[in-house]
Amino acid sequence: GCASKFWWVVTYPLCAILFCTMPDVRHPKYKRNWKLAVFEFVASLVWIGIFSNWLYECIVVVSNTLKIPVAVSAVTLLAGGTSVPDLLSSYVVARNGQGDMAVSSSIGSNIFDVTVGLPLPWLLYCMINGKAFDLGAKGSKGIASSILLLILMLGAVIATIMCM
């Protein structure tokens, strides 16, 4: 229908660029070719970098147009981008009749993000540069309330699971 034709027109430039720059490794003549596998991997990383930079530039333009701080838009997009894969995996698992696993997956991934995803880059920065991480002019104001809120949310989740 019309939706599929529209989607084809929108995605055609992207598919054409990727088709021209990255060989189709499903072809039998490319089987067991480690050099091509390395090239595909590096080319994929390059394209991810290009698309990420393009997405950032689009966020800056949209944020400035709508008079929204760029940092707020970027963090919102980042939060959505990290939550969509969790949502899809939880949906698939729940459809298979394993609701408990879906809930624990979504909670576990967020706990992992907060306990490993945030502190690990800061720790590496401090270890490599040999100095403390600068939080900026506002410093760590409000961090105590954020940690308290995180602990309360975790407690609420655990209480909810125990009551079921």
Protein backbone atom coordinates (compact mmCIF):
# COMPACT_ATOMS: atom_id res chain seq x y z
CA GLY A 1 0.00 0.00 0.00
CA CYS A 2 0.88 3.64 0.36
CA ALA A 3 2.72 3.18 3.65
CA SER A 4 5.10 0.60 2.20
CA LYS A 5 5.80 2.78 -0.85
CA PHE A 6 6.45 5.79 1.39
CA TRP A 7 8.81 3.70 3.57
CA TRP A 8 10.62 2.46 0.45
CA VAL A 9 11.16 6.05 -0.79
CA VAL A 10 12.37 7.21 2.62
CA THR A 11 14.80 4.32 3.19
CA TYR A 12 16.07 3.93 -0.39
CA PRO A 13 18.96 6.44 -0.08
CA LEU A 14 20.21 4.74 3.09
CA CYS A 15 19.98 1.27 1.55
CA ALA A 16 21.71 2.46 -1.63
CA ILE A 17 24.62 4.02 0.27
CA LEU A 18 25.12 0.93 2.42
CA PHE A 19 24.80 -1.37 -0.61
CA CYS A 20 27.48 0.57 -2.48
CA THR A 21 29.94 0.80 0.42
CA MET A 22 29.57 -2.60 2.08
CA PRO A 23 29.66 -5.89 0.16
CA ASP A 24 26.90 -8.44 0.75
CA VAL A 25 28.63 -11.11 2.82
CA ARG A 26 25.78 -13.57 2.30
CA HIS A 27 27.12 -14.28 -1.18
CA PRO A 28 28.85 -17.69 -1.35
CA LYS A 29 32.10 -16.26 -2.74
CA TYR A 30 32.60 -14.27 0.48
CA LYS A 31 32.31 -17.28 2.82
CA ARG A 32 35.24 -17.79 5.21
CA ASN A 33 36.93 -14.53 4.21
CA TRP A 34 38.31 -13.03 7.42
CA LYS A 35 39.67 -9.92 5.69
CA LEU A 36 36.21 -9.07 4.41
CA ALA A 37 34.76 -9.69 7.86
CA VAL A 38 37.22 -7.22 9.38
CA PHE A 39 36.45 -4.70 6.62
CA GLU A 40 32.70 -5.10 7.22
CA PHE A 41 33.19 -4.60 10.95
CA VAL A 42 35.27 -1.44 10.50
CA ALA A 43 32.89 -0.10 7.84
CA SER A 44 29.96 -0.72 10.19
CA LEU A 45 31.70 1.24 12.93
CA VAL A 46 32.40 4.08 10.50
CA TRP A 47 28.75 4.19 9.43
CA ILE A 48 27.57 4.11 13.04
CA GLY A 49 29.87 7.06 13.74
CA ILE A 50 28.58 8.98 10.72
CA PHE A 51 24.94 8.35 11.60
CA SER A 52 25.55 9.23 15.26
CA ASN A 53 27.16 12.52 14.27
CA TRP A 54 24.27 13.25 11.89
CA LEU A 55 21.76 12.47 14.66
CA TYR A 56 23.61 14.82 17.01
CA GLU A 57 23.54 17.62 14.45
CA CYS A 58 19.81 17.07 13.92
CA ILE A 59 19.22 17.18 17.69
CA VAL A 60 21.10 20.49 17.91
CA VAL A 61 19.06 22.03 15.07
CA VAL A 62 15.70 20.81 16.45
CA SER A 63 16.60 21.85 20.01
CA ASN A 64 17.65 25.32 18.94
CA THR A 65 14.54 25.69 16.76
CA LEU A 66 12.20 24.69 19.60
CA LYS A 67 14.24 26.63 22.20
CA ILE A 68 14.93 23.47 24.23
CA PRO A 69 18.36 23.06 25.84
CA VAL A 70 20.47 20.71 23.70
CA ALA A 71 21.53 18.71 26.76
CA VAL A 72 17.89 17.98 27.66
CA SER A 73 17.09 16.82 24.13
CA ALA A 74 20.24 14.71 23.93
CA VAL A 75 19.65 12.99 27.26
CA THR A 76 16.00 12.38 26.34
CA LEU A 77 17.01 10.79 23.04
CA LEU A 78 19.69 8.74 24.79
CA ALA A 79 17.20 7.50 27.37
CA GLY A 80 14.79 6.48 24.64
CA GLY A 81 17.53 4.82 22.63
CA THR A 82 18.64 2.70 25.55
CA SER A 83 15.08 1.82 26.59
CA VAL A 84 13.72 0.66 23.23
CA PRO A 85 15.83 -2.55 23.05
CA ASP A 86 14.81 -3.37 26.64
CA LEU A 87 11.17 -2.77 25.74
CA LEU A 88 11.35 -5.02 22.69
CA SER A 89 13.12 -7.86 24.51
CA SER A 90 10.69 -7.63 27.43
CA TYR A 91 7.76 -7.66 25.00
CA VAL A 92 9.03 -10.80 23.26
CA VAL A 93 9.68 -12.58 26.54
CA ALA A 94 6.26 -11.57 27.94
CA ARG A 95 4.54 -12.81 24.77
CA ASN A 96 6.19 -16.19 25.40
CA GLY A 97 4.46 -16.33 28.79
CA GLN A 98 7.43 -15.35 30.97
CA GLY A 99 6.20 -12.09 32.51
CA ASP A 100 8.48 -12.36 35.54
CA MET A 101 11.52 -12.58 33.30
CA ALA A 102 10.35 -9.53 31.32
CA VAL A 103 9.96 -7.44 34.48
CA SER A 104 13.28 -8.57 35.95
CA SER A 105 15.02 -7.85 32.64
CA SER A 106 13.75 -4.29 32.50
CA ILE A 107 14.60 -3.63 36.14
CA GLY A 108 17.97 -5.36 35.93
CA SER A 109 19.06 -3.43 32.85
CA ASN A 110 18.26 -0.10 34.50
CA ILE A 111 20.10 -1.09 37.68
CA PHE A 112 23.08 -2.15 35.56
CA ASP A 113 23.02 1.18 33.70
CA VAL A 114 23.03 3.15 36.96
CA THR A 115 25.59 1.03 38.81
CA VAL A 116 27.98 0.25 35.94
CA GLY A 117 27.13 2.37 32.90
CA LEU A 118 27.43 5.70 34.68
CA PRO A 119 30.34 5.17 37.10
CA LEU A 120 32.64 3.14 34.83
CA PRO A 121 33.42 5.97 32.36
CA TRP A 122 34.02 8.35 35.27
CA LEU A 123 36.30 5.82 36.95
CA LEU A 124 38.28 5.29 33.74
CA TYR A 125 38.57 9.06 33.26
CA CYS A 126 39.91 9.49 36.80
CA MET A 127 42.35 6.59 36.43
CA ILE A 128 43.70 7.73 33.05
CA ASN A 129 43.98 11.43 33.88
CA GLY A 130 44.94 11.01 37.53
CA LYS A 131 42.49 13.67 38.68
CA ALA A 132 38.93 13.88 39.93
CA PHE A 133 36.04 14.22 37.50
CA ASP A 134 34.74 17.80 37.41
CA LEU A 135 30.95 17.96 37.65
CA GLY A 136 30.85 21.58 36.52
CA ALA A 137 29.69 24.77 38.22
CA LYS A 138 26.70 23.19 39.96
CA GLY A 139 28.79 20.33 41.24
CA SER A 140 26.95 17.53 42.97
CA LYS A 141 24.01 19.59 44.21
CA GLY A 142 20.93 17.41 44.28
CA ILE A 143 22.84 14.13 44.07
CA ALA A 144 21.67 13.07 47.53
CA SER A 145 18.02 13.45 46.56
CA SER A 146 18.65 11.58 43.30
CA ILE A 147 20.29 8.68 45.15
CA LEU A 148 17.47 8.65 47.72
CA LEU A 149 14.89 8.56 44.94
CA LEU A 150 16.75 5.69 43.26
CA ILE A 151 16.84 3.71 46.52
CA LEU A 152 13.13 4.37 47.12
CA MET A 153 12.27 3.20 43.59
CA LEU A 154 14.34 0.06 44.05
CA GLY A 155 12.62 -0.59 47.39
CA ALA A 156 9.21 -0.11 45.79
CA VAL A 157 10.05 -2.58 43.03
CA ILE A 158 11.31 -5.18 45.51
CA ALA A 159 8.21 -4.67 47.72
CA THR A 160 5.94 -5.05 44.71
CA ILE A 161 7.63 -8.28 43.66
CA MET A 162 7.49 -9.68 47.21
CA CYS A 163 3.77 -8.94 47.53
CA MET A 164 2.92 -10.84 44.36
